[in-house]
Amino acid sequence: MELKKNVPSVAIKEGVYKSLQMTEDDFRMIYKNDPYDYFDYDSDNLEEVRNFATSNNIQIMIIKWK
């Protein structure tokens, strides 16, 4: 019998996003105000993915993997 693990992926994704919000000031201090952006992946908003791929700034994409 194979056991499947249920991972609360939505909760983890939301936790990562919240952690980035909470540590934003620390990152800006560590990276000397280098511009960076983070966003929650949304397949209905591919403009954000395009910006992620082409930006000269540091980009962080939060994505849920099934």
N, C-alpha and C. Protein backbone atom coordinates (compact mmCIF):
# COMPACT_ATOMS: atom_id res chain seq x y z
N MET A 1 0.84 -1.17 0.00
CA MET A 1 0.00 0.00 0.00
C MET A 1 0.90 1.24 0.00
N GLU A 2 0.60 2.15 -0.88
CA GLU A 2 1.37 3.38 -0.99
C GLU A 2 0.66 4.49 -0.23
N LEU A 3 1.39 5.18 0.61
CA LEU A 3 0.84 6.31 1.35
C LEU A 3 1.13 7.60 0.61
N LYS A 4 0.14 8.40 0.44
CA LYS A 4 0.33 9.71 -0.19
C LYS A 4 0.36 10.76 0.89
N LYS A 5 1.31 11.66 0.76
CA LYS A 5 1.43 12.75 1.72
C LYS A 5 0.66 13.95 1.20
N ASN A 6 -0.16 14.52 2.03
CA ASN A 6 -0.88 15.73 1.67
C ASN A 6 -0.08 16.93 2.17
N VAL A 7 0.43 17.67 1.23
CA VAL A 7 1.21 18.85 1.57
C VAL A 7 0.32 20.07 1.36
N PRO A 8 0.20 20.90 2.36
CA PRO A 8 -0.66 22.09 2.23
C PRO A 8 0.03 23.15 1.37
N SER A 9 0.07 22.91 0.06
CA SER A 9 0.86 23.76 -0.83
C SER A 9 0.37 25.21 -0.87
N VAL A 10 -0.92 25.43 -0.77
CA VAL A 10 -1.43 26.81 -0.77
C VAL A 10 -0.94 27.54 0.47
N ALA A 11 -0.99 26.87 1.62
CA ALA A 11 -0.52 27.50 2.86
C ALA A 11 0.97 27.80 2.79
N ILE A 12 1.74 26.89 2.21
CA ILE A 12 3.18 27.12 2.08
C ILE A 12 3.45 28.30 1.16
N LYS A 13 2.74 28.35 0.04
CA LYS A 13 2.90 29.45 -0.91
C LYS A 13 2.56 30.79 -0.26
N GLU A 14 1.47 30.82 0.49
CA GLU A 14 1.09 32.06 1.18
C GLU A 14 2.10 32.42 2.26
N GLY A 15 2.67 31.41 2.92
CA GLY A 15 3.69 31.65 3.93
C GLY A 15 4.95 32.24 3.34
N VAL A 16 5.35 31.74 2.18
CA VAL A 16 6.53 32.28 1.49
C VAL A 16 6.29 33.74 1.12
N TYR A 17 5.11 34.03 0.60
CA TYR A 17 4.78 35.41 0.22
C TYR A 17 4.82 36.32 1.45
N LYS A 18 4.25 35.86 2.55
CA LYS A 18 4.24 36.65 3.78
C LYS A 18 5.66 36.86 4.31
N SER A 19 6.50 35.83 4.21
CA SER A 19 7.90 35.95 4.65
C SER A 19 8.64 36.99 3.83
N LEU A 20 8.38 37.03 2.52
CA LEU A 20 9.02 38.04 1.68
C LEU A 20 8.56 39.45 2.08
N GLN A 21 7.28 39.58 2.40
CA GLN A 21 6.78 40.88 2.86
C GLN A 21 7.47 41.30 4.16
N MET A 22 7.60 40.36 5.08
CA MET A 22 8.15 40.66 6.39
C MET A 22 9.65 40.95 6.36
N THR A 23 10.36 40.40 5.40
CA THR A 23 11.81 40.57 5.33
C THR A 23 12.23 41.57 4.27
N GLU A 24 11.28 42.29 3.70
CA GLU A 24 11.57 43.23 2.62
C GLU A 24 12.62 44.26 3.03
N ASP A 25 12.49 44.85 4.19
CA ASP A 25 13.45 45.86 4.64
C ASP A 25 14.84 45.25 4.82
N ASP A 26 14.90 44.03 5.35
CA ASP A 26 16.19 43.36 5.53
C ASP A 26 16.88 43.11 4.19
N PHE A 27 16.11 42.62 3.21
CA PHE A 27 16.68 42.38 1.88
C PHE A 27 17.21 43.68 1.27
N ARG A 28 16.44 44.73 1.42
CA ARG A 28 16.88 46.01 0.83
C ARG A 28 18.17 46.49 1.49
N MET A 29 18.33 46.26 2.78
CA MET A 29 19.54 46.65 3.47
C MET A 29 20.72 45.75 3.04
N ILE A 30 20.50 44.45 3.00
CA ILE A 30 21.56 43.51 2.63
C ILE A 30 22.03 43.74 1.20
N TYR A 31 21.08 43.95 0.30
CA TYR A 31 21.43 44.10 -1.12
C TYR A 31 21.55 45.56 -1.53
N LYS A 32 21.76 46.42 -0.56
CA LYS A 32 22.05 47.85 -0.79
C LYS A 32 21.04 48.51 -1.74
N ASN A 33 19.79 48.24 -1.47
CA ASN A 33 18.68 48.83 -2.22
C ASN A 33 18.65 48.47 -3.69
N ASP A 34 19.32 47.36 -4.07
CA ASP A 34 19.14 46.88 -5.45
C ASP A 34 17.65 46.61 -5.65
N PRO A 35 17.10 47.10 -6.75
CA PRO A 35 15.67 46.90 -6.95
C PRO A 35 15.33 45.42 -7.14
N TYR A 36 14.28 44.99 -6.51
CA TYR A 36 13.80 43.63 -6.71
C TYR A 36 12.29 43.61 -6.56
N ASP A 37 11.70 42.62 -7.16
CA ASP A 37 10.25 42.44 -7.12
C ASP A 37 9.95 40.98 -6.82
N TYR A 38 8.83 40.75 -6.19
CA TYR A 38 8.35 39.39 -6.00
C TYR A 38 6.86 39.37 -6.28
N PHE A 39 6.39 38.24 -6.75
CA PHE A 39 4.98 38.14 -7.06
C PHE A 39 4.54 36.69 -7.00
N ASP A 40 3.26 36.53 -6.83
CA ASP A 40 2.60 35.24 -6.79
C ASP A 40 2.20 34.89 -8.22
N TYR A 41 2.71 33.79 -8.74
CA TYR A 41 2.40 33.40 -10.12
C TYR A 41 0.91 33.25 -10.32
N ASP A 42 0.43 33.81 -11.43
CA ASP A 42 -0.97 33.71 -11.81
C ASP A 42 -1.00 33.45 -13.32
N SER A 43 -1.48 32.29 -13.71
CA SER A 43 -1.48 31.93 -15.14
C SER A 43 -2.35 32.86 -15.97
N ASP A 44 -3.23 33.62 -15.33
CA ASP A 44 -4.06 34.59 -16.06
C ASP A 44 -3.35 35.92 -16.27
N ASN A 45 -2.16 36.08 -15.68
CA ASN A 45 -1.42 37.34 -15.80
C ASN A 45 -0.01 37.04 -16.31
N LEU A 46 0.09 36.71 -17.59
CA LEU A 46 1.39 36.35 -18.15
C LEU A 46 2.31 37.55 -18.34
N GLU A 47 1.78 38.75 -18.22
CA GLU A 47 2.61 39.95 -18.29
C GLU A 47 3.64 39.94 -17.16
N GLU A 48 3.23 39.48 -15.98
CA GLU A 48 4.17 39.39 -14.85
C GLU A 48 5.29 38.40 -15.15
N VAL A 49 4.96 37.29 -15.79
CA VAL A 49 5.97 36.30 -16.14
C VAL A 49 6.93 36.88 -17.18
N ARG A 50 6.40 37.62 -18.12
CA ARG A 50 7.24 38.27 -19.13
C ARG A 50 8.19 39.26 -18.47
N ASN A 51 7.68 40.05 -17.54
CA ASN A 51 8.53 41.00 -16.80
C ASN A 51 9.59 40.26 -15.99
N PHE A 52 9.20 39.13 -15.39
CA PHE A 52 10.13 38.29 -14.63
C PHE A 52 11.31 37.87 -15.51
N ALA A 53 11.00 37.48 -16.74
CA ALA A 53 12.03 36.97 -17.64
C ALA A 53 12.91 38.05 -18.24
N THR A 54 12.40 39.27 -18.34
CA THR A 54 13.15 40.29 -19.07
C THR A 54 13.69 41.42 -18.19
N SER A 55 13.33 41.44 -16.94
CA SER A 55 13.74 42.53 -16.06
C SER A 55 15.24 42.49 -15.75
N ASN A 56 15.82 43.65 -15.57
CA ASN A 56 17.21 43.75 -15.13
C ASN A 56 17.32 43.70 -13.61
N ASN A 57 16.19 43.75 -12.93
CA ASN A 57 16.16 43.71 -11.47
C ASN A 57 16.10 42.27 -10.98
N ILE A 58 16.36 42.08 -9.71
CA ILE A 58 16.19 40.78 -9.09
C ILE A 58 14.70 40.46 -9.07
N GLN A 59 14.34 39.27 -9.51
CA GLN A 59 12.94 38.86 -9.58
C GLN A 59 12.75 37.57 -8.79
N ILE A 60 11.68 37.52 -8.02
CA ILE A 60 11.31 36.32 -7.26
C ILE A 60 9.87 35.97 -7.63
N MET A 61 9.69 34.77 -8.21
CA MET A 61 8.36 34.31 -8.56
C MET A 61 7.98 33.18 -7.60
N ILE A 62 6.85 33.32 -6.97
CA ILE A 62 6.35 32.29 -6.06
C ILE A 62 5.32 31.47 -6.83
N ILE A 63 5.58 30.18 -6.94
CA ILE A 63 4.73 29.33 -7.75
C ILE A 63 4.44 28.04 -7.00
N LYS A 64 3.23 27.58 -7.12
CA LYS A 64 2.82 26.31 -6.48
C LYS A 64 3.04 25.19 -7.49
N TRP A 65 3.75 24.17 -7.07
CA TRP A 65 4.02 23.02 -7.93
C TRP A 65 3.13 21.88 -7.49
N LYS A 66 2.43 21.30 -8.44
CA LYS A 66 1.51 20.20 -8.09
C LYS A 66 2.24 18.89 -8.12
